[in-house]
C-alpha cells in the first residue's frame, strides 16, 4: 500500500554507473523525456530500482519501501483470487487452465505453490517471454503502475512535455522543446480546456503492455489489481498529476531524488487500459473496486473464512478487513478483468 506524499526533498545525483547510463541514453543534448528517465531509474541494468539484485522493495518491515496485498499474511489474497478467477471462467473448467502471476517480486508471490482449482501455477518475471499456454489466467499485482510514464504540463495556452536534464551537477526538470516521438501522437487527445500549470502523468507503456498481453493470450482471462482513475478524472480532477516516489514507506512528489533507490509510479488510466486490451483481442472488460470484485466473485469464500473464525478476531479476519474495507485496500485498489474468447 502506498501512502500520500510527503514534502519534496532535494534531488540527488545517481551513482557513477547510473550517471553514465543516463548520459549515454540522453546523448549529446543531455536531456531525457520523463518517460526515458523513469524507464532508466526503474529498469536500467544493475542500478534501476527494479533491477537491483537482492534489494528489498515490498514488505511491511522498515527495510522495504511499500507493501501490497501480496504482503498480507495467510495467503488470503491468493485464495480469493483463485476463487474469483474460477467463477469468471464458468462454465469452463478451471482445471483446463494454467494460473500465471506476472511480475511478482521474489518470495512475495500471491499464489505460492497452491494451484487448485487450476491445473498448475506459474510465476513469470518482467522481461520473460510472453508465450503462454493455450488456456491461461494471467494475474498481475501492481504491475501497470510500475511502468515508465510521460509527464505533461499545460503552460502558456498549450500542453508541454516535461523532461530531465541529466548531465548537470544535479538532475533538473525542464520543458522539452517539442514532444518526444512516443508522445507526439498521444498528445493529440490531450484536453484543450486545461488550467495553467495543470499536470498529467500518463503511462503509454502500461497501455502497450496490456495490449501485448492480450495479444499473447490465446484463451482465458487477464486480471490486473492496481490503483487508478479514468481519463476524465485524470485530466479534470487531478490538476497536480499523480506521479509519486516511494522510499522507506514514505511518499514524495520529488521524482528526481534518490534515482534508482526509490519507486516511481503514477496512477493507471483504466479506460485507456481497457481500450488497449480490446485492441489486443479481448472481448468483455470490466473495472471494479477491489471490495466489490471479491464480494461479487468470491462471496462464498469470504463467508466461509468469516464463519471459520466467528468466535475470535483472527489473523485471517484482519487480512480480510484490510483487503475488503473501503478505508483500506478495498477502496484504494481496483481490479480490471478482461476475457479473451
Protein backbone atom coordinates (compact mmCIF):
# COMPACT_ATOMS: atom_id res chain seq x y z
CA UNK A 1 0.00 0.00 0.00
CA UNK A 2 1.40 3.39 -0.96
CA UNK A 3 0.72 6.37 1.33
CA UNK A 4 0.09 10.06 0.49
CA UNK A 5 3.13 12.13 -0.49
CA UNK A 6 5.41 14.00 1.89
CA UNK A 7 7.25 17.24 1.24
CA UNK A 8 9.68 17.07 -1.67
CA UNK A 9 13.34 16.56 -0.85
CA UNK A 10 16.40 17.83 -2.70
CA UNK A 11 17.42 15.94 -5.86
CA UNK A 12 20.42 13.68 -5.59
CA UNK A 13 22.64 12.58 -8.42
CA UNK A 14 22.77 8.86 -9.16
CA UNK A 15 25.95 6.91 -8.54
CA UNK A 16 28.64 6.75 -11.23
CA UNK A 17 27.08 3.80 -13.04
CA UNK A 18 23.68 5.45 -13.06
CA UNK A 19 25.03 8.80 -14.19
CA UNK A 20 26.93 7.25 -17.09
CA UNK A 21 23.87 5.25 -18.12
CA UNK A 22 21.66 8.36 -18.09
CA UNK A 23 24.23 10.38 -20.07
CA UNK A 24 24.54 7.61 -22.64
CA UNK A 25 20.77 7.44 -23.04
CA UNK A 26 20.47 11.23 -23.33
CA UNK A 27 23.18 11.66 -25.94
CA UNK A 28 24.81 14.99 -26.73
CA UNK A 29 21.86 17.08 -25.54
CA UNK A 30 21.94 15.70 -22.01
CA UNK A 31 18.13 15.68 -21.82
CA UNK A 32 15.74 12.75 -21.42
CA UNK A 33 11.98 12.72 -21.62
CA UNK A 34 10.37 11.77 -18.34
CA UNK A 35 9.39 8.50 -19.94
CA UNK A 36 13.01 7.64 -20.73
CA UNK A 37 14.21 8.88 -17.34
CA UNK A 38 11.68 6.76 -15.44
CA UNK A 39 12.48 3.75 -17.64
CA UNK A 40 16.14 4.10 -16.67
CA UNK A 41 15.52 4.84 -12.99
CA UNK A 42 13.25 1.80 -12.72
CA UNK A 43 14.80 -0.79 -15.04
CA UNK A 44 18.37 0.13 -16.03
CA UNK A 45 20.55 -2.99 -15.63
CA UNK A 46 22.39 -3.07 -12.33
CA UNK A 47 21.15 0.14 -10.70
CA UNK A 48 17.49 0.70 -11.73
CA UNK A 49 15.03 0.34 -8.88
CA UNK A 50 13.56 -2.97 -10.09
CA UNK A 51 16.87 -4.24 -11.48
CA UNK A 52 18.99 -4.19 -8.32
CA UNK A 53 19.75 -7.76 -7.28
CA UNK A 54 18.82 -8.61 -3.72
CA UNK A 55 17.12 -5.29 -2.97
CA UNK A 56 14.09 -5.49 -0.68
CA UNK A 57 11.27 -3.41 -2.12
CA UNK A 58 7.98 -4.92 -0.96
CA UNK A 59 7.03 -5.78 2.61
CA UNK A 60 5.70 -4.35 5.84
CA UNK A 61 9.04 -4.04 7.62
CA UNK A 62 11.19 -0.92 7.70
CA UNK A 63 13.68 -2.28 5.15
CA UNK A 64 11.01 -2.23 2.42
CA UNK A 65 9.58 0.77 0.55
CA UNK A 66 5.90 -0.17 0.34
CA UNK A 67 3.61 -3.14 0.81
CA UNK A 68 0.95 -4.71 -1.39
CA UNK A 69 -1.93 -7.11 -0.90
CA UNK A 70 0.52 -9.94 -1.54
CA UNK A 71 2.42 -8.88 1.61
CA UNK A 72 -0.55 -9.65 3.86
CA UNK A 73 -0.25 -12.96 5.68
CA UNK A 74 -2.15 -16.20 5.34
CA UNK A 75 -2.42 -16.40 1.56
CA UNK A 76 -5.94 -14.93 1.73
CA UNK A 77 -5.46 -12.66 -1.27
CA UNK A 78 -4.33 -15.54 -3.48
CA UNK A 79 -7.15 -17.75 -2.23
CA UNK A 80 -9.80 -15.18 -3.08
CA UNK A 81 -8.22 -14.55 -6.48
CA UNK A 82 -8.29 -18.23 -7.38
CA UNK A 83 -11.95 -18.50 -6.42
CA UNK A 84 -12.87 -15.32 -8.31
CA UNK A 85 -10.96 -16.35 -11.43
CA UNK A 86 -12.66 -19.76 -11.44
CA UNK A 87 -16.04 -18.04 -11.12
CA UNK A 88 -15.28 -15.73 -14.04
CA UNK A 89 -14.30 -18.72 -16.22
CA UNK A 90 -17.58 -20.54 -15.60
CA UNK A 91 -18.95 -22.68 -17.15
CA UNK A 92 -15.48 -23.67 -18.33
CA UNK A 93 -13.42 -25.97 -16.12
CA UNK A 94 -10.52 -24.14 -14.39
CA UNK A 95 -8.63 -27.45 -14.33
CA UNK A 96 -8.03 -26.88 -18.04
CA UNK A 97 -6.23 -23.60 -17.33
CA UNK A 98 -2.78 -22.54 -16.09
CA UNK A 99 -2.75 -19.77 -13.49
CA UNK A 100 0.14 -17.36 -14.13
CA UNK A 101 1.32 -14.50 -11.94
CA UNK A 102 3.21 -11.90 -13.93
CA UNK A 103 5.78 -9.55 -12.41
CA UNK A 104 5.86 -10.98 -8.88
CA UNK A 105 8.62 -9.91 -6.54
CA UNK A 106 10.93 -12.78 -5.47
CA UNK A 107 9.42 -14.53 -2.47
CA UNK A 108 6.25 -12.40 -2.42
CA UNK A 109 4.10 -14.25 -4.94
CA UNK A 110 0.35 -14.16 -4.49
CA UNK A 111 -0.37 -17.85 -5.08
CA UNK A 112 2.65 -19.62 -3.63
CA UNK A 113 2.58 -23.25 -4.73
CA UNK A 114 -1.21 -23.60 -4.43
CA UNK A 115 -2.83 -24.02 -7.85
CA UNK A 116 -6.24 -25.60 -7.11
CA UNK A 117 -8.70 -25.49 -8.77
CA UNK A 118 -6.38 -24.73 -11.72
CA UNK A 119 -4.10 -27.24 -13.43
CA UNK A 120 -0.91 -25.58 -12.23
CA UNK A 121 0.52 -22.22 -11.19
CA UNK A 122 3.47 -20.39 -12.75
CA UNK A 123 5.34 -17.20 -11.90
CA UNK A 124 6.81 -15.00 -14.61
CA UNK A 125 9.24 -12.13 -14.13
CA UNK A 126 9.17 -8.96 -16.19
CA UNK A 127 11.19 -9.48 -19.32
CA UNK A 128 10.33 -13.18 -19.60
CA UNK A 129 8.93 -14.23 -22.99
CA UNK A 130 5.20 -13.57 -23.36
CA UNK A 131 4.40 -17.04 -24.69
CA UNK A 132 1.54 -18.53 -22.66
CA UNK A 133 -0.25 -21.90 -22.61
CA UNK A 134 -3.29 -22.17 -24.86
CA UNK A 135 -5.63 -21.71 -21.88
CA UNK A 136 -4.39 -19.36 -19.18
CA UNK A 137 -5.44 -16.94 -16.47
CA UNK A 138 -2.83 -14.18 -16.13
CA UNK A 139 -2.77 -12.09 -12.96
CA UNK A 140 -0.61 -9.03 -12.30
CA UNK A 141 -0.48 -7.21 -8.97
CA UNK A 142 0.57 -3.54 -9.20
CA UNK A 143 2.37 -4.15 -12.46
CA UNK A 144 0.72 -1.46 -14.59
CA UNK A 145 1.65 1.33 -12.18
CA UNK A 146 5.29 0.18 -12.29
CA UNK A 147 5.71 1.12 -15.96
CA UNK A 148 7.58 4.18 -17.24
CA UNK A 149 5.43 7.26 -17.82
CA UNK A 150 5.32 10.63 -19.56
CA UNK A 151 4.72 13.94 -17.77
CA UNK A 152 2.82 16.80 -19.38
CA UNK A 153 2.09 20.31 -18.12
CA UNK A 154 -0.30 22.95 -19.51
CA UNK A 155 1.53 26.28 -19.83
CA UNK A 156 1.01 29.41 -21.90
CA UNK A 157 -2.11 28.02 -23.53
CA UNK A 158 -0.72 24.67 -24.65
CA UNK A 159 0.43 21.30 -23.37
CA UNK A 160 4.18 20.83 -22.99
CA UNK A 161 6.09 17.63 -22.35
CA UNK A 162 8.47 17.60 -19.40
CA UNK A 163 11.90 16.05 -19.35
CA UNK A 164 15.01 15.76 -17.19
CA UNK A 165 18.40 17.39 -17.63
CA UNK A 166 20.85 14.64 -16.65
CA UNK A 167 24.34 16.00 -17.33
CA UNK A 168 24.45 18.91 -14.88
CA UNK A 169 25.62 18.82 -11.26
CA UNK A 170 22.06 17.86 -10.24
CA UNK A 171 19.13 16.35 -12.08
CA UNK A 172 16.72 19.08 -13.16
CA UNK A 173 13.19 19.07 -14.57
CA UNK A 174 12.59 21.17 -17.68
CA UNK A 175 10.26 21.56 -20.66
CA UNK A 176 11.20 19.68 -23.80
CA UNK A 177 11.41 21.90 -26.90
CA UNK A 178 8.93 19.59 -28.64
CA UNK A 179 7.02 16.40 -27.94
CA UNK A 180 9.12 13.25 -27.96
CA UNK A 181 8.24 10.81 -30.77
CA UNK A 182 6.39 8.42 -28.43
CA UNK A 183 4.24 11.22 -27.02
CA UNK A 184 3.51 13.12 -30.24
CA UNK A 185 0.55 11.08 -31.46
CA UNK A 186 -0.87 10.58 -27.95
CA UNK A 187 -0.71 14.32 -27.26
CA UNK A 188 -3.42 14.90 -29.86
CA UNK A 189 -6.09 13.73 -27.39
CA UNK A 190 -5.00 15.96 -24.51
CA UNK A 191 -7.88 18.22 -23.40
CA UNK A 192 -7.93 21.73 -24.81
CA UNK A 193 -9.58 23.31 -21.75
CA UNK A 194 -6.87 22.64 -19.16
CA UNK A 195 -5.85 25.15 -16.50
CA UNK A 196 -2.46 26.84 -16.24
CA UNK A 197 0.15 24.58 -14.58
CA UNK A 198 -2.13 21.53 -14.75
CA UNK A 199 -0.06 18.33 -14.82
CA UNK A 200 -0.86 14.96 -16.34
CA UNK A 201 1.14 11.79 -15.69
CA UNK A 202 0.34 9.15 -18.28
CA UNK A 203 1.89 5.72 -18.91
CA UNK A 204 1.71 4.81 -22.57
CA UNK A 205 3.96 1.87 -21.64
CA UNK A 206 1.24 0.43 -19.41
CA UNK A 207 -1.18 0.54 -22.34
CA UNK A 208 1.37 -1.11 -24.63
CA UNK A 209 1.97 -3.86 -22.06
CA UNK A 210 -1.77 -4.52 -21.69
CA UNK A 211 -2.15 -4.68 -25.47
CA UNK A 212 0.79 -7.11 -25.79
CA UNK A 213 -0.54 -9.38 -23.04
CA UNK A 214 -3.98 -9.51 -24.64
CA UNK A 215 -2.42 -10.35 -27.99
CA UNK A 216 -0.26 -13.09 -26.46
CA UNK A 217 -3.16 -14.73 -24.63
CA UNK A 218 -4.95 -17.29 -26.79
CA UNK A 219 -7.86 -18.02 -24.47
CA UNK A 220 -8.67 -17.12 -20.87
CA UNK A 221 -8.55 -14.15 -18.53
CA UNK A 222 -6.36 -11.18 -17.73
CA UNK A 223 -6.72 -9.77 -14.19
CA UNK A 224 -4.94 -6.62 -13.00
CA UNK A 225 -5.00 -5.33 -9.42
CA UNK A 226 -3.88 -1.71 -9.20
CA UNK A 227 -4.89 1.85 -8.37
CA UNK A 228 -6.06 4.35 -10.95
CA UNK A 229 -8.69 6.66 -12.38
CA UNK A 230 -10.47 7.05 -15.69
CA UNK A 231 -9.38 9.61 -18.28
CA UNK A 232 -11.89 12.23 -17.14
CA UNK A 233 -10.70 12.03 -13.54
CA UNK A 234 -7.03 12.18 -14.52
CA UNK A 235 -7.47 15.18 -16.82
CA UNK A 236 -10.12 17.12 -14.89
CA UNK A 237 -9.86 16.26 -11.20
CA UNK A 238 -6.12 15.71 -10.58
CA UNK A 239 -4.51 19.02 -11.63
CA UNK A 240 -1.27 18.28 -9.76
CA UNK A 241 -0.82 14.94 -11.52
CA UNK A 242 -0.48 11.58 -9.81
CA UNK A 243 3.25 10.78 -10.11
CA UNK A 244 4.89 9.83 -6.82
CA UNK A 245 8.12 8.40 -5.48
CA UNK A 246 8.16 5.83 -2.64
CA UNK A 247 11.02 5.01 -0.34
CA UNK A 248 11.00 3.57 3.16
CA UNK A 249 7.18 3.63 3.33
CA UNK A 250 7.21 7.38 2.73
CA UNK A 251 5.91 9.13 -0.36
CA UNK A 252 7.29 12.19 -2.10
CA UNK A 253 6.46 14.34 -5.10
CA UNK A 254 10.18 14.68 -5.87
CA UNK A 255 10.76 12.19 -8.66
CA UNK A 256 14.42 13.14 -9.08
CA UNK A 257 15.65 12.35 -5.57
CA UNK A 258 17.45 9.04 -4.98
CA UNK A 259 17.28 7.82 -8.62
CA UNK A 260 17.42 4.04 -8.75
CA UNK A 261 16.74 3.83 -5.00
CA UNK A 262 13.06 4.82 -4.93
CA UNK A 263 9.98 3.56 -6.71
CA UNK A 264 8.47 5.89 -9.31
CA UNK A 265 4.83 5.46 -10.18
CA UNK A 266 1.66 7.13 -11.40
CA UNK A 267 -1.99 6.13 -11.37
CA UNK A 268 -3.29 3.82 -14.08
CA UNK A 269 -5.77 5.20 -16.63
CA UNK A 270 -8.35 2.43 -16.54
CA UNK A 271 -10.44 3.22 -19.60
CA UNK A 272 -7.31 3.58 -21.71
CA UNK A 273 -6.11 0.18 -20.44
CA UNK A 274 -9.49 -1.34 -21.30
CA UNK A 275 -9.21 0.09 -24.79
CA UNK A 276 -5.73 -1.39 -25.19
CA UNK A 277 -6.98 -4.81 -24.07
CA UNK A 278 -9.78 -4.72 -26.62
CA UNK A 279 -7.30 -3.70 -29.32
CA UNK A 280 -5.25 -6.74 -28.30
CA UNK A 281 -8.21 -9.08 -28.84
CA UNK A 282 -10.08 -9.17 -25.54
CA UNK A 283 -13.86 -9.05 -25.60
CA UNK A 284 -15.50 -8.26 -22.29
CA UNK A 285 -13.62 -5.96 -19.90
CA UNK A 286 -14.67 -4.53 -16.54
CA UNK A 287 -13.14 -2.44 -13.75
CA UNK A 288 -14.43 -2.95 -10.20
CA UNK A 289 -13.39 -1.70 -6.81
CA UNK A 290 -11.44 -4.45 -5.08
CA UNK A 291 -14.06 -4.90 -2.38
CA UNK A 292 -16.85 -5.21 -4.98
CA UNK A 293 -14.82 -7.60 -7.14
CA UNK A 294 -14.28 -10.06 -4.30
CA UNK A 295 -17.78 -9.69 -2.89
CA UNK A 296 -19.27 -10.43 -6.31
CA UNK A 297 -16.96 -13.20 -7.49
CA UNK A 298 -15.68 -14.78 -4.24
CA UNK A 299 -18.52 -14.10 -1.81
CA UNK A 300 -18.90 -17.70 -0.65
CA UNK A 301 -15.17 -17.98 0.09
CA UNK A 302 -15.34 -14.78 2.16
CA UNK A 303 -18.34 -16.09 4.08
CA UNK A 304 -16.54 -19.37 4.74
CA UNK A 305 -13.45 -17.58 6.07
CA UNK A 306 -15.56 -15.41 8.35
CA UNK A 307 -17.57 -18.37 9.64
CA UNK A 308 -14.42 -20.36 10.36
CA UNK A 309 -13.20 -17.73 12.81
CA UNK A 310 -16.55 -16.46 14.01
CA UNK A 311 -15.60 -16.71 17.68
CA UNK A 312 -12.43 -14.62 17.54
CA UNK A 313 -10.68 -11.85 15.66
CA UNK A 314 -8.08 -13.98 13.90
CA UNK A 315 -5.24 -13.00 11.54
CA UNK A 316 -7.43 -14.21 8.65
CA UNK A 317 -10.21 -11.83 9.65
CA UNK A 318 -7.69 -9.00 9.99
CA UNK A 319 -6.41 -9.71 6.47
CA UNK A 320 -9.95 -9.77 5.10
CA UNK A 321 -10.63 -6.43 6.75
CA UNK A 322 -7.58 -4.88 5.10
CA UNK A 323 -8.38 -6.39 1.70
CA UNK A 324 -12.08 -5.52 1.65
CA UNK A 325 -12.75 -2.50 3.82
CA UNK A 326 -13.29 0.67 1.73
CA UNK A 327 -11.00 2.63 4.06
CA UNK A 328 -8.16 0.17 3.38
CA UNK A 329 -7.14 -1.71 0.24
CA UNK A 330 -10.74 -2.48 -0.69
CA UNK A 331 -11.40 1.14 -1.62
CA UNK A 332 -7.95 2.25 -2.71
CA UNK A 333 -7.43 -0.52 -5.28
CA UNK A 334 -9.41 -1.59 -8.29
CA UNK A 335 -9.39 -4.80 -10.27
CA UNK A 336 -9.71 -4.89 -14.02
CA UNK A 337 -10.57 -8.21 -15.60
CA UNK A 338 -10.77 -8.99 -19.29
CA UNK A 339 -11.83 -12.11 -21.14
CA UNK A 340 -10.10 -13.41 -24.26
CA UNK A 341 -12.69 -15.58 -26.02
